[in-house]
C-alpha atoms as a PDB file:
ATOM      1  CA  UNK A   1     -35.453  58.530 -23.433  1.00  0.00           C
ATOM      2  CA  UNK A   2     -34.168  58.649 -19.883  1.00  0.00           C
ATOM      3  CA  UNK A   3     -30.721  57.619 -18.854  1.00  0.00           C
ATOM      4  CA  UNK A   4     -32.366  55.264 -16.404  1.00  0.00           C
ATOM      5  CA  UNK A   5     -34.324  53.732 -19.463  1.00  0.00           C
ATOM      6  CA  UNK A   6     -31.097  53.286 -21.340  1.00  0.00           C
ATOM      7  CA  UNK A   7     -29.692  51.568 -18.411  1.00  0.00           C
ATOM      8  CA  UNK A   8     -32.407  48.951 -17.126  1.00  0.00           C
ATOM      9  CA  UNK A   9     -31.958  46.949 -20.445  1.00  0.00           C
ATOM     10  CA  UNK A  10     -28.004  46.760 -20.010  1.00  0.00           C
ATOM     11  CA  UNK A  11     -28.521  46.546 -16.157  1.00  0.00           C
ATOM     12  CA  UNK A  12     -31.337  43.368 -16.851  1.00  0.00           C
ATOM     13  CA  UNK A  13     -28.786  41.501 -19.263  1.00  0.00           C
ATOM     14  CA  UNK A  14     -25.609  41.293 -16.255  1.00  0.00           C
ATOM     15  CA  UNK A  15     -27.880  40.349 -14.092  1.00  0.00           C
ATOM     16  CA  UNK A  16     -29.671  37.440 -15.982  1.00  0.00           C
ATOM     17  CA  UNK A  17     -26.061  36.688 -17.334  1.00  0.00           C
ATOM     18  CA  UNK A  18     -24.634  36.826 -13.627  1.00  0.00           C
ATOM     19  CA  UNK A  19     -27.588  34.213 -12.978  1.00  0.00           C
ATOM     20  CA  UNK A  20     -26.091  32.195 -15.729  1.00  0.00           C
ATOM     21  CA  UNK A  21     -23.240  31.535 -14.310  1.00  0.00           C
ATOM     22  CA  UNK A  22     -24.243  31.192 -10.550  1.00  0.00           C
ATOM     23  CA  UNK A  23     -26.229  28.534 -12.467  1.00  0.00           C
ATOM     24  CA  UNK A  24     -23.410  26.791 -13.927  1.00  0.00           C
ATOM     25  CA  UNK A  25     -21.284  27.116 -10.627  1.00  0.00           C
ATOM     26  CA  UNK A  26     -24.082  25.307  -9.054  1.00  0.00           C
ATOM     27  CA  UNK A  27     -24.474  22.445 -11.353  1.00  0.00           C
ATOM     28  CA  UNK A  28     -20.538  22.347 -10.871  1.00  0.00           C
ATOM     29  CA  UNK A  29     -20.444  22.081  -7.712  1.00  0.00           C
ATOM     30  CA  UNK A  30     -23.211  19.532  -7.842  1.00  0.00           C
ATOM     31  CA  UNK A  31     -21.454  16.904  -9.511  1.00  0.00           C
ATOM     32  CA  UNK A  32     -18.461  17.310  -7.708  1.00  0.00           C
ATOM     33  CA  UNK A  33     -18.128  13.355  -6.281  1.00  0.00           C
ATOM     34  CA  UNK A  34     -16.513  13.216  -2.751  1.00  0.00           C
ATOM     35  CA  UNK A  35     -15.462   9.290  -1.756  1.00  0.00           C
ATOM     36  CA  UNK A  36     -13.783   8.880   1.430  1.00  0.00           C
ATOM     37  CA  UNK A  37     -10.449   6.588   1.715  1.00  0.00           C
ATOM     38  CA  UNK A  38      -9.618   4.853   5.066  1.00  0.00           C
ATOM     39  CA  UNK A  39      -6.671   2.544   4.850  1.00  0.00           C
ATOM     40  CA  UNK A  40      -3.385   2.611   6.957  1.00  0.00           C
ATOM     41  CA  UNK A  41      -2.175   4.423  10.625  1.00  0.00           C
ATOM     42  CA  UNK A  42      -1.119   7.801  10.529  1.00  0.00           C
ATOM     43  CA  UNK A  43       2.482   8.516   9.053  1.00  0.00           C
ATOM     44  CA  UNK A  44       2.251   4.720   7.395  1.00  0.00           C
ATOM     45  CA  UNK A  45       3.609   4.758   3.467  1.00  0.00           C
ATOM     46  CA  UNK A  46      -0.291   4.034   2.668  1.00  0.00           C
ATOM     47  CA  UNK A  47      -1.416   7.144   4.610  1.00  0.00           C
ATOM     48  CA  UNK A  48       0.877   9.084   2.627  1.00  0.00           C
ATOM     49  CA  UNK A  49      -0.393   7.247  -0.724  1.00  0.00           C
ATOM     50  CA  UNK A  50      -3.818   8.520   0.421  1.00  0.00           C
ATOM     51  CA  UNK A  51      -2.822  12.036   1.060  1.00  0.00           C
ATOM     52  CA  UNK A  52      -0.913  12.145  -2.587  1.00  0.00           C
ATOM     53  CA  UNK A  53      -4.154  11.180  -4.127  1.00  0.00           C
ATOM     54  CA  UNK A  54      -6.552  13.477  -1.809  1.00  0.00           C
ATOM     55  CA  UNK A  55      -4.379  16.358  -2.991  1.00  0.00           C
ATOM     56  CA  UNK A  56      -3.822  15.137  -6.713  1.00  0.00           C
ATOM     57  CA  UNK A  57      -7.676  15.280  -6.989  1.00  0.00           C
ATOM     58  CA  UNK A  58      -7.932  18.249  -5.583  1.00  0.00           C
ATOM     59  CA  UNK A  59      -6.097  20.278  -7.438  1.00  0.00           C
ATOM     60  CA  UNK A  60      -6.636  18.439 -10.531  1.00  0.00           C
ATOM     61  CA  UNK A  61      -9.684  16.573 -10.850  1.00  0.00           C
ATOM     62  CA  UNK A  62     -12.450  18.704 -12.352  1.00  0.00           C
ATOM     63  CA  UNK A  63     -14.892  16.928 -10.154  1.00  0.00           C
ATOM     64  CA  UNK A  64     -13.658  13.997  -8.301  1.00  0.00           C
ATOM     65  CA  UNK A  65     -12.431  14.232  -4.677  1.00  0.00           C
ATOM     66  CA  UNK A  66     -11.190  11.728  -2.844  1.00  0.00           C
ATOM     67  CA  UNK A  67     -10.949  12.638   1.237  1.00  0.00           C
ATOM     68  CA  UNK A  68      -8.330  10.279   2.768  1.00  0.00           C
ATOM     69  CA  UNK A  69      -8.805   9.369   6.506  1.00  0.00           C
ATOM     70  CA  UNK A  70      -6.863   7.256   8.831  1.00  0.00           C
ATOM     71  CA  UNK A  71      -7.686   3.648   8.745  1.00  0.00           C
ATOM     72  CA  UNK A  72      -6.769   0.653  11.111  1.00  0.00           C
ATOM     73  CA  UNK A  73      -4.916  -1.390   8.456  1.00  0.00           C
ATOM     74  CA  UNK A  74      -4.868  -3.799   4.694  1.00  0.00           C
ATOM     75  CA  UNK A  75      -6.138  -6.540   6.561  1.00  0.00           C
ATOM     76  CA  UNK A  76      -8.841  -4.834   8.850  1.00  0.00           C
ATOM     77  CA  UNK A  77     -10.088  -3.138   5.494  1.00  0.00           C
ATOM     78  CA  UNK A  78     -10.115  -6.082   3.777  1.00  0.00           C
ATOM     79  CA  UNK A  79     -12.704  -7.782   6.348  1.00  0.00           C
ATOM     80  CA  UNK A  80     -14.941  -4.367   6.286  1.00  0.00           C
ATOM     81  CA  UNK A  81     -14.735  -4.519   2.540  1.00  0.00           C
ATOM     82  CA  UNK A  82     -15.758  -8.056   2.516  1.00  0.00           C
ATOM     83  CA  UNK A  83     -18.824  -6.823   4.744  1.00  0.00           C
ATOM     84  CA  UNK A  84     -19.583  -4.623   2.132  1.00  0.00           C
ATOM     85  CA  UNK A  85     -22.656  -2.149   3.466  1.00  0.00           C
ATOM     86  CA  UNK A  86     -20.486   1.434   3.691  1.00  0.00           C
ATOM     87  CA  UNK A  87     -17.473   0.143   3.028  1.00  0.00           C
ATOM     88  CA  UNK A  88     -18.894  -0.816  -0.464  1.00  0.00           C
ATOM     89  CA  UNK A  89     -18.728   2.986  -1.296  1.00  0.00           C
ATOM     90  CA  UNK A  90     -15.298   3.632   0.664  1.00  0.00           C
ATOM     91  CA  UNK A  91     -11.788   3.239  -1.409  1.00  0.00           C
ATOM     92  CA  UNK A  92      -9.915   1.149   0.518  1.00  0.00           C
ATOM     93  CA  UNK A  93      -6.684  -1.163   0.739  1.00  0.00           C
ATOM     94  CA  UNK A  94      -5.585  -4.839   0.576  1.00  0.00           C
ATOM     95  CA  UNK A  95      -2.488  -7.102  -0.132  1.00  0.00           C
ATOM     96  CA  UNK A  96      -1.524 -10.243  -1.348  1.00  0.00           C
ATOM     97  CA  UNK A  97      -1.158 -11.248   2.217  1.00  0.00           C
ATOM     98  CA  UNK A  98      -4.587 -10.400   2.973  1.00  0.00           C
ATOM     99  CA  UNK A  99      -6.142 -12.518   0.299  1.00  0.00           C
ATOM    100  CA  UNK A 100      -4.391 -15.249   1.938  1.00  0.00           C
ATOM    101  CA  UNK A 101      -5.518 -14.482   5.375  1.00  0.00           C
ATOM    102  CA  UNK A 102      -9.074 -14.866   3.952  1.00  0.00           C
ATOM    103  CA  UNK A 103      -8.314 -17.537   2.154  1.00  0.00           C
ATOM    104  CA  UNK A 104      -7.476 -19.813   4.692  1.00  0.00           C
ATOM    105  CA  UNK A 105      -9.194 -18.767   7.835  1.00  0.00           C
ATOM    106  CA  UNK A 106      -6.067 -17.511   9.567  1.00  0.00           C
ATOM    107  CA  UNK A 107      -6.912 -16.149  13.217  1.00  0.00           C
ATOM    108  CA  UNK A 108      -7.989 -13.572  14.615  1.00  0.00           C
ATOM    109  CA  UNK A 109      -8.897 -11.956  10.878  1.00  0.00           C
ATOM    110  CA  UNK A 110     -10.675 -14.800   9.780  1.00  0.00           C
ATOM    111  CA  UNK A 111     -12.842 -17.330  11.827  1.00  0.00           C
ATOM    112  CA  UNK A 112     -13.317 -19.073   8.651  1.00  0.00           C
ATOM    113  CA  UNK A 113     -11.727 -19.494   5.114  1.00  0.00           C
ATOM    114  CA  UNK A 114     -13.350 -17.351   2.706  1.00  0.00           C
ATOM    115  CA  UNK A 115     -12.209 -18.667  -0.825  1.00  0.00           C
ATOM    116  CA  UNK A 116     -13.538 -15.721  -2.858  1.00  0.00           C
ATOM    117  CA  UNK A 117     -12.445 -12.925  -1.267  1.00  0.00           C
ATOM    118  CA  UNK A 118     -10.591 -12.100  -4.478  1.00  0.00           C
ATOM    119  CA  UNK A 119     -14.216 -11.613  -6.350  1.00  0.00           C
ATOM    120  CA  UNK A 120     -15.573  -9.667  -3.209  1.00  0.00           C
ATOM    121  CA  UNK A 121     -12.288  -7.318  -2.577  1.00  0.00           C
ATOM    122  CA  UNK A 122     -11.048  -5.816  -5.966  1.00  0.00           C
ATOM    123  CA  UNK A 123      -7.991  -3.948  -6.867  1.00  0.00           C
ATOM    124  CA  UNK A 124      -7.622  -0.515  -8.514  1.00  0.00           C
ATOM    125  CA  UNK A 125      -3.940   0.097  -8.372  1.00  0.00           C
ATOM    126  CA  UNK A 126      -0.380  -0.659  -6.278  1.00  0.00           C
ATOM    127  CA  UNK A 127      -0.130   1.655  -3.036  1.00  0.00           C
ATOM    128  CA  UNK A 128       3.294   0.798  -2.600  1.00  0.00           C
ATOM    129  CA  UNK A 129       5.602  -2.704  -2.868  1.00  0.00           C
ATOM    130  CA  UNK A 130       7.551  -4.170   0.447  1.00  0.00           C
ATOM    131  CA  UNK A 131      10.505  -5.832   0.443  1.00  0.00           C
ATOM    132  CA  UNK A 132      10.224  -7.491   3.978  1.00  0.00           C
ATOM    133  CA  UNK A 133      13.183  -8.885   5.710  1.00  0.00           C
ATOM    134  CA  UNK A 134      15.625  -9.143   8.840  1.00  0.00           C
ATOM    135  CA  UNK A 135      18.065  -7.019  10.045  1.00  0.00           C
ATOM    136  CA  UNK A 136      20.367  -7.644  12.896  1.00  0.00           C
ATOM    137  CA  UNK A 137      23.563  -5.914  14.915  1.00  0.00           C
ATOM    138  CA  UNK A 138      24.875  -9.931  15.480  1.00  0.00           C
ATOM    139  CA  UNK A 139      27.435 -10.643  12.631  1.00  0.00           C
ATOM    140  CA  UNK A 140      26.379 -14.513  13.389  1.00  0.00           C
ATOM    141  CA  UNK A 141      22.999 -14.497  12.403  1.00  0.00           C
ATOM    142  CA  UNK A 142      23.258 -14.832   8.522  1.00  0.00           C
ATOM    143  CA  UNK A 143      19.890 -16.486   7.707  1.00  0.00           C
ATOM    144  CA  UNK A 144      16.910 -16.421   8.954  1.00  0.00           C
ATOM    145  CA  UNK A 145      17.630 -20.420   9.637  1.00  0.00           C
ATOM    146  CA  UNK A 146      19.454 -19.274  12.483  1.00  0.00           C
ATOM    147  CA  UNK A 147      17.039 -17.162  14.322  1.00  0.00           C
ATOM    148  CA  UNK A 148      15.956 -20.636  16.369  1.00  0.00           C
ATOM    149  CA  UNK A 149      15.306 -19.789  19.853  1.00  0.00           C
ATOM    150  CA  UNK A 150      16.320 -16.312  19.281  1.00  0.00           C
ATOM    151  CA  UNK A 151      14.200 -13.433  19.873  1.00  0.00           C
ATOM    152  CA  UNK A 152      12.938 -11.458  16.915  1.00  0.00           C
ATOM    153  CA  UNK A 153      11.144  -8.484  17.501  1.00  0.00           C
ATOM    154  CA  UNK A 154       8.076  -7.645  14.822  1.00  0.00           C
ATOM    155  CA  UNK A 155       5.461  -4.819  14.235  1.00  0.00           C
ATOM    156  CA  UNK A 156       2.087  -5.662  15.519  1.00  0.00           C
ATOM    157  CA  UNK A 157       0.335  -8.880  14.453  1.00  0.00           C
ATOM    158  CA  UNK A 158      -2.334  -6.910  12.640  1.00  0.00           C
ATOM    159  CA  UNK A 159       0.000  -4.978  10.584  1.00  0.00           C
ATOM    160  CA  UNK A 160       0.299  -7.406   7.399  1.00  0.00           C
ATOM    161  CA  UNK A 161       4.159  -6.548   6.167  1.00  0.00           C
ATOM    162  CA  UNK A 162       5.953  -5.551   9.662  1.00  0.00           C
ATOM    163  CA  UNK A 163       4.176  -8.362  11.570  1.00  0.00           C
ATOM    164  CA  UNK A 164       1.158 -10.729  10.068  1.00  0.00           C
ATOM    165  CA  UNK A 165       3.453 -12.268   6.985  1.00  0.00           C
ATOM    166  CA  UNK A 166       7.149 -12.643   8.051  1.00  0.00           C
ATOM    167  CA  UNK A 167       5.847 -14.580  11.209  1.00  0.00           C
ATOM    168  CA  UNK A 168       2.861 -16.596   8.998  1.00  0.00           C
ATOM    169  CA  UNK A 169       6.298 -16.505   6.262  1.00  0.00           C
ATOM    170  CA  UNK A 170       8.574 -18.309   8.903  1.00  0.00           C
ATOM    171  CA  UNK A 171       5.639 -20.525  10.515  1.00  0.00           C
ATOM    172  CA  UNK A 172       4.732 -21.892   7.005  1.00  0.00           C
ATOM    173  CA  UNK A 173       8.663 -21.769   5.270  1.00  0.00           C
ATOM    174  CA  UNK A 174      10.827 -22.429   8.322  1.00  0.00           C
ATOM    175  CA  UNK A 175       8.573 -24.557  10.312  1.00  0.00           C
ATOM    176  CA  UNK A 176      11.626 -25.912  12.505  1.00  0.00           C
ATOM    177  CA  UNK A 177      12.912 -22.509  13.159  1.00  0.00           C
ATOM    178  CA  UNK A 178      11.442 -20.933  16.108  1.00  0.00           C
ATOM    179  CA  UNK A 179      12.630 -17.830  17.420  1.00  0.00           C
ATOM    180  CA  UNK A 180      11.040 -16.173  20.068  1.00  0.00           C
ATOM    181  CA  UNK A 181       8.527 -13.472  18.612  1.00  0.00           C
ATOM    182  CA  UNK A 182       7.729 -10.320  20.311  1.00  0.00           C
ATOM    183  CA  UNK A 183       4.791  -7.955  18.577  1.00  0.00           C
ATOM    184  CA  UNK A 184       6.378  -4.980  19.593  1.00  0.00           C
ATOM    185  CA  UNK A 185       4.963  -2.661  16.755  1.00  0.00           C
ATOM    186  CA  UNK A 186       7.373  -0.717  14.254  1.00  0.00           C
ATOM    187  CA  UNK A 187       8.855   1.796  15.728  1.00  0.00           C
ATOM    188  CA  UNK A 188       9.515   0.043  19.167  1.00  0.00           C
ATOM    189  CA  UNK A 189      10.921  -3.039  17.536  1.00  0.00           C
ATOM    190  CA  UNK A 190      13.761  -0.328  15.624  1.00  0.00           C
ATOM    191  CA  UNK A 191      14.358   0.877  18.788  1.00  0.00           C
ATOM    192  CA  UNK A 192      14.519  -2.473  20.572  1.00  0.00           C
ATOM    193  CA  UNK A 193      17.450  -3.900  18.078  1.00  0.00           C
ATOM    194  CA  UNK A 194      20.172  -0.821  19.039  1.00  0.00           C
ATOM    195  CA  UNK A 195      19.505  -1.005  22.627  1.00  0.00           C
ATOM    196  CA  UNK A 196      20.503  -4.727  22.808  1.00  0.00           C
ATOM    197  CA  UNK A 197      16.728  -5.752  23.611  1.00  0.00           C
ATOM    198  CA  UNK A 198      15.988  -8.101  20.841  1.00  0.00           C
ATOM    199  CA  UNK A 199      18.553 -10.267  18.544  1.00  0.00           C
ATOM    200  CA  UNK A 200      16.784  -9.490  15.158  1.00  0.00           C
ATOM    201  CA  UNK A 201      13.928  -7.435  13.664  1.00  0.00           C
ATOM    202  CA  UNK A 202      11.552  -7.524  10.903  1.00  0.00           C
ATOM    203  CA  UNK A 203      11.812  -4.729   8.858  1.00  0.00           C
ATOM    204  CA  UNK A 204      11.071  -3.172   5.208  1.00  0.00           C
ATOM    205  CA  UNK A 205      11.996  -1.527   2.205  1.00  0.00           C
ATOM    206  CA  UNK A 206       9.847  -0.055  -0.653  1.00  0.00           C
ATOM    207  CA  UNK A 207      11.284  -1.324  -3.586  1.00  0.00           C
ATOM    208  CA  UNK A 208      10.917  -0.794  -7.325  1.00  0.00           C
ATOM    209  CA  UNK A 209       9.163  -3.632  -8.965  1.00  0.00           C
ATOM    210  CA  UNK A 210      12.641  -4.452 -11.062  1.00  0.00           C
ATOM    211  CA  UNK A 211      14.929  -4.252  -7.679  1.00  0.00           C
ATOM    212  CA  UNK A 212      17.386  -1.636  -8.593  1.00  0.00           C
ATOM    213  CA  UNK A 213      15.895   1.133  -6.377  1.00  0.00           C
ATOM    214  CA  UNK A 214      15.128   0.729  -2.479  1.00  0.00           C
ATOM    215  CA  UNK A 215      13.862   3.536  -0.483  1.00  0.00           C
ATOM    216  CA  UNK A 216      14.036   3.200   3.462  1.00  0.00           C
ATOM    217  CA  UNK A 217      10.944   4.541   5.238  1.00  0.00           C
ATOM    218  CA  UNK A 218      11.463   6.706   8.067  1.00  0.00           C
ATOM    219  CA  UNK A 219      12.213   4.121  11.655  1.00  0.00           C
ATOM    220  CA  UNK A 220      14.172   2.034   9.085  1.00  0.00           C
ATOM    221  CA  UNK A 221      16.794   5.285   7.884  1.00  0.00           C
ATOM    222  CA  UNK A 222      16.718   6.149  11.852  1.00  0.00           C
ATOM    223  CA  UNK A 223      18.096   2.367  12.493  1.00  0.00           C
ATOM    224  CA  UNK A 224      21.018   2.809  10.213  1.00  0.00           C
ATOM    225  CA  UNK A 225      21.978   6.157  11.129  1.00  0.00           C
ATOM    226  CA  UNK A 226      22.472   4.930  15.090  1.00  0.00           C
ATOM    227  CA  UNK A 227      25.511   4.102  14.640  1.00  0.00           C
ATOM    228  CA  UNK A 228      25.219   0.218  15.135  1.00  0.00           C
ATOM    229  CA  UNK A 229      26.646  -1.812  12.400  1.00  0.00           C
ATOM    230  CA  UNK A 230      23.425  -3.764  10.740  1.00  0.00           C
ATOM    231  CA  UNK A 231      23.673  -6.713   8.624  1.00  0.00           C
ATOM    232  CA  UNK A 232      20.904  -7.682   6.051  1.00  0.00           C
ATOM    233  CA  UNK A 233      19.397 -11.813   6.593  1.00  0.00           C
ATOM    234  CA  UNK A 234      17.714 -12.781   4.362  1.00  0.00           C
ATOM    235  CA  UNK A 235      15.420 -16.351   3.386  1.00  0.00           C
ATOM    236  CA  UNK A 236      16.909 -19.486   2.073  1.00  0.00           C
ATOM    237  CA  UNK A 237      14.985 -20.791  -1.088  1.00  0.00           C
ATOM    238  CA  UNK A 238      13.543 -23.822   0.698  1.00  0.00           C
ATOM    239  CA  UNK A 239      11.294 -21.257   2.894  1.00  0.00           C
ATOM    240  CA  UNK A 240       9.670 -19.321  -0.541  1.00  0.00           C
ATOM    241  CA  UNK A 241       8.996 -23.474  -1.691  1.00  0.00           C
ATOM    242  CA  UNK A 242       7.430 -24.534   1.317  1.00  0.00           C
ATOM    243  CA  UNK A 243       5.307 -21.272   1.580  1.00  0.00           C
ATOM    244  CA  UNK A 244       4.312 -21.575  -1.702  1.00  0.00           C
ATOM    245  CA  UNK A 245       3.113 -25.347  -1.193  1.00  0.00           C
ATOM    246  CA  UNK A 246       0.591 -23.625   1.125  1.00  0.00           C
ATOM    247  CA  UNK A 247      -0.572 -20.924  -0.884  1.00  0.00           C
ATOM    248  CA  UNK A 248       1.666 -18.289   0.523  1.00  0.00           C
ATOM    249  CA  UNK A 249       3.365 -17.653  -2.883  1.00  0.00           C
ATOM    250  CA  UNK A 250       5.639 -14.618  -2.937  1.00  0.00           C
ATOM    251  CA  UNK A 251       8.637 -13.702  -5.042  1.00  0.00           C
ATOM    252  CA  UNK A 252      12.180 -13.435  -3.841  1.00  0.00           C
ATOM    253  CA  UNK A 253      13.968  -9.963  -3.933  1.00  0.00           C
ATOM    254  CA  UNK A 254      17.723  -9.500  -4.025  1.00  0.00           C
ATOM    255  CA  UNK A 255      18.564  -7.152  -1.357  1.00  0.00           C
ATOM    256  CA  UNK A 256      22.400  -6.261  -0.447  1.00  0.00           C
ATOM    257  CA  UNK A 257      24.574  -3.480  -0.373  1.00  0.00           C
ATOM    258  CA  UNK A 258      24.205  -2.008  -3.986  1.00  0.00           C
ATOM    259  CA  UNK A 259      21.085  -1.062  -2.790  1.00  0.00           C
ATOM    260  CA  UNK A 260      21.450  -0.636   1.088  1.00  0.00           C
ATOM    261  CA  UNK A 261      24.926   0.267   1.167  1.00  0.00           C
ATOM    262  CA  UNK A 262      24.218   0.847   4.791  1.00  0.00           C
ATOM    263  CA  UNK A 263      24.823  -2.230   5.350  1.00  0.00           C
ATOM    264  CA  UNK A 264      27.697  -3.804   7.400  1.00  0.00           C
ATOM    265  CA  UNK A 265      28.263  -6.941   5.177  1.00  0.00           C
ATOM    266  CA  UNK A 266      28.296  -7.721   1.978  1.00  0.00           C
ATOM    267  CA  UNK A 267      26.193 -10.393   1.900  1.00  0.00           C
ATOM    268  CA  UNK A 268      23.416 -11.244  -1.019  1.00  0.00           C
ATOM    269  CA  UNK A 269      20.489 -11.891   0.577  1.00  0.00           C
ATOM    270  CA  UNK A 270      16.760 -12.810  -0.465  1.00  0.00           C
ATOM    271  CA  UNK A 271      13.517 -10.810   1.172  1.00  0.00           C
ATOM    272  CA  UNK A 272      10.308 -11.291   0.930  1.00  0.00           C
ATOM    273  CA  UNK A 273       8.628  -9.266  -2.312  1.00  0.00           C
ATOM    274  CA  UNK A 274       4.573  -8.373  -1.575  1.00  0.00           C
ATOM    275  CA  UNK A 275       2.499  -5.438  -3.039  1.00  0.00           C
ATOM    276  CA  UNK A 276       0.113  -3.428  -1.318  1.00  0.00           C
ATOM    277  CA  UNK A 277      -3.102  -2.038  -3.486  1.00  0.00           C
ATOM    278  CA  UNK A 278      -5.651   0.514  -3.480  1.00  0.00           C
ATOM    279  CA  UNK A 279      -8.913  -1.740  -3.398  1.00  0.00           C
ATOM    280  CA  UNK A 280     -12.108  -1.503  -3.562  1.00  0.00           C
ATOM    281  CA  UNK A 281     -15.860  -3.474  -3.122  1.00  0.00           C
ATOM    282  CA  UNK A 282     -16.971  -5.616  -5.900  1.00  0.00           C
ATOM    283  CA  UNK A 283     -19.745  -3.391  -5.407  1.00  0.00           C
ATOM    284  CA  UNK A 284     -18.256  -0.056  -5.902  1.00  0.00           C
ATOM    285  CA  UNK A 285     -19.740   2.264  -9.023  1.00  0.00           C
ATOM    286  CA  UNK A 286     -17.547   1.195 -12.134  1.00  0.00           C
ATOM    287  CA  UNK A 287     -17.396   4.568 -13.289  1.00  0.00           C
ATOM    288  CA  UNK A 288     -16.098   5.924 -10.264  1.00  0.00           C
ATOM    289  CA  UNK A 289     -13.549   3.102 -10.441  1.00  0.00           C
ATOM    290  CA  UNK A 290     -12.618   3.720 -14.023  1.00  0.00           C
ATOM    291  CA  UNK A 291     -12.292   7.683 -13.173  1.00  0.00           C
ATOM    292  CA  UNK A 292     -10.154   7.313 -10.457  1.00  0.00           C
ATOM    293  CA  UNK A 293      -8.066   5.002 -12.195  1.00  0.00           C
ATOM    294  CA  UNK A 294      -7.568   6.336 -15.272  1.00  0.00           C
ATOM    295  CA  UNK A 295      -6.390   9.923 -13.169  1.00  0.00           C
ATOM    296  CA  UNK A 296      -3.810   8.282 -11.454  1.00  0.00           C
ATOM    297  CA  UNK A 297      -2.233   7.033 -14.607  1.00  0.00           C
ATOM    298  CA  UNK A 298      -2.623  10.238 -15.927  1.00  0.00           C
ATOM    299  CA  UNK A 299      -0.653  11.862 -12.863  1.00  0.00           C
ATOM    300  CA  UNK A 300       1.043   8.701 -11.272  1.00  0.00           C
ATOM    301  CA  UNK A 301       4.218  11.402 -12.477  1.00  0.00           C
ATOM    302  CA  UNK A 302       3.382  13.258  -9.862  1.00  0.00           C
ATOM    303  CA  UNK A 303       3.497  11.049  -6.998  1.00  0.00           C
ATOM    304  CA  UNK A 304       7.046  11.226  -5.912  1.00  0.00           C
ATOM    305  CA  UNK A 305       6.526  15.158  -5.098  1.00  0.00           C
ATOM    306  CA  UNK A 306       4.800  13.846  -1.872  1.00  0.00           C
ATOM    307  CA  UNK A 307       7.564  11.092  -0.960  1.00  0.00           C
ATOM    308  CA  UNK A 308      10.623   9.743  -2.830  1.00  0.00           C
ATOM    309  CA  UNK A 309       8.804   6.246  -1.625  1.00  0.00           C
ATOM    310  CA  UNK A 310       6.047   6.909  -3.879  1.00  0.00           C
ATOM    311  CA  UNK A 311       8.744   6.408  -7.097  1.00  0.00           C
ATOM    312  CA  UNK A 312       7.571   2.942  -7.339  1.00  0.00           C
ATOM    313  CA  UNK A 313       4.435   3.382  -8.665  1.00  0.00           C
ATOM    314  CA  UNK A 314       5.171   7.037 -10.954  1.00  0.00           C
ATOM    315  CA  UNK A 315       4.448   4.475 -13.976  1.00  0.00           C
ATOM    316  CA  UNK A 316       1.230   2.829 -15.595  1.00  0.00           C
ATOM    317  CA  UNK A 317       3.634  -0.491 -15.024  1.00  0.00           C
ATOM    318  CA  UNK A 318       4.043   0.576 -11.621  1.00  0.00           C
ATOM    319  CA  UNK A 319       0.548   1.352 -10.878  1.00  0.00           C
ATOM    320  CA  UNK A 320      -0.382  -2.226 -12.201  1.00  0.00           C
ATOM    321  CA  UNK A 321       2.135  -4.317 -11.340  1.00  0.00           C
ATOM    322  CA  UNK A 322       1.788  -7.989 -10.947  1.00  0.00           C
ATOM    323  CA  UNK A 323      -2.087  -7.704 -10.798  1.00  0.00           C
ATOM    324  CA  UNK A 324      -3.896  -9.228 -13.417  1.00  0.00           C
ATOM    325  CA  UNK A 325      -7.105  -8.018 -15.819  1.00  0.00           C
ATOM    326  CA  UNK A 326      -9.495 -10.777 -12.880  1.00  0.00           C
ATOM    327  CA  UNK A 327      -7.529  -9.075 -10.306  1.00  0.00           C
ATOM    328  CA  UNK A 328      -8.795  -5.905 -10.758  1.00  0.00           C
ATOM    329  CA  UNK A 329     -12.187  -3.996 -10.129  1.00  0.00           C
ATOM    330  CA  UNK A 330     -13.818  -3.425 -14.007  1.00  0.00           C
ATOM    331  CA  UNK A 331     -13.539   0.106 -14.084  1.00  0.00           C
ATOM    332  CA  UNK A 332      -9.269  -0.572 -13.093  1.00  0.00           C
ATOM    333  CA  UNK A 333      -9.322  -2.865 -15.766  1.00  0.00           C
ATOM    334  CA  UNK A 334     -10.978  -0.794 -18.099  1.00  0.00           C
ATOM    335  CA  UNK A 335      -8.489   1.857 -17.454  1.00  0.00           C
ATOM    336  CA  UNK A 336      -5.429   0.161 -17.655  1.00  0.00           C
ATOM    337  CA  UNK A 337      -6.551  -1.189 -20.999  1.00  0.00           C
ATOM    338  CA  UNK A 338      -7.178   2.192 -22.198  1.00  0.00           C
ATOM    339  CA  UNK A 339      -3.359   2.924 -21.214  1.00  0.00           C
ATOM    340  CA  UNK A 340      -2.475   0.011 -23.225  1.00  0.00           C
ATOM    341  CA  UNK A 341      -1.145  -2.092 -20.370  1.00  0.00           C
ATOM    342  CA  UNK A 342      -3.420  -5.072 -20.056  1.00  0.00           C
ATOM    343  CA  UNK A 343      -4.442  -6.632 -23.562  1.00  0.00           C
END
């Protein structure tokens, strides 16, 4: 027997083993599921959430891959998801405000009421919690009721929490107060205040559901670092009551110097508390919805490593928030039930 005869079977076995491994690798590659995600503009909080989800699935999930891309904002995404089509297979986002827009047929987003929006667009889990209120350099403006005839700078109206929500809340909750609202955009409005081009602005904090911690988005931090005295301004209780009468039911969140120590005054005010969630169309695959939600619950503690603001959703409770089982996609509801967060 020659050396060649002795080695040939061994070589054949090694080749077969190699082919087997290649086959397994091919199967694994074939099982990888890539899902597109589109929600918010580059640099926004929800864009950061999307990047975190993308990175976590790439590093920690054996098959699921979320590919985040810039989106038009939660309102436009909600409109798109209601239309179905390719959006029925896309991870997007929505908010309580977007539901209100649809249900009431608020133009220019919806040309007629869509009372079934909550059946069409379903929640997976929270992306962040915004506390929306007013900042000013004028100490004489102590409440939103003092804004009558004053210049109020906001984000773009299409920006749910920076523009759309506060405008609608003022119109519904304080109909007798008529500020001159200018929809500038987030950064321009926060630049306008210290430059004296606006009497007050709409701003936002990211807050934990219990109200004990607040995180400032970049433009807000820059404003407080401008050297100007910045005062907190809130909404009166009757504004929340009137708004709720027409379907704008939002929780009032207390904001004061204990969580915003840079504030110039000691006043305690009420801001509008609103969650924004990662959401999908009702026809989004249930198993994928379940797998993604379960994965995020299991990896929630890693979220603050991407941005401090994501601490507000770094627990199972934070991911679920105030959403009920009927708000959730069936796959997401199953994941939260398994985690003990839903009955």
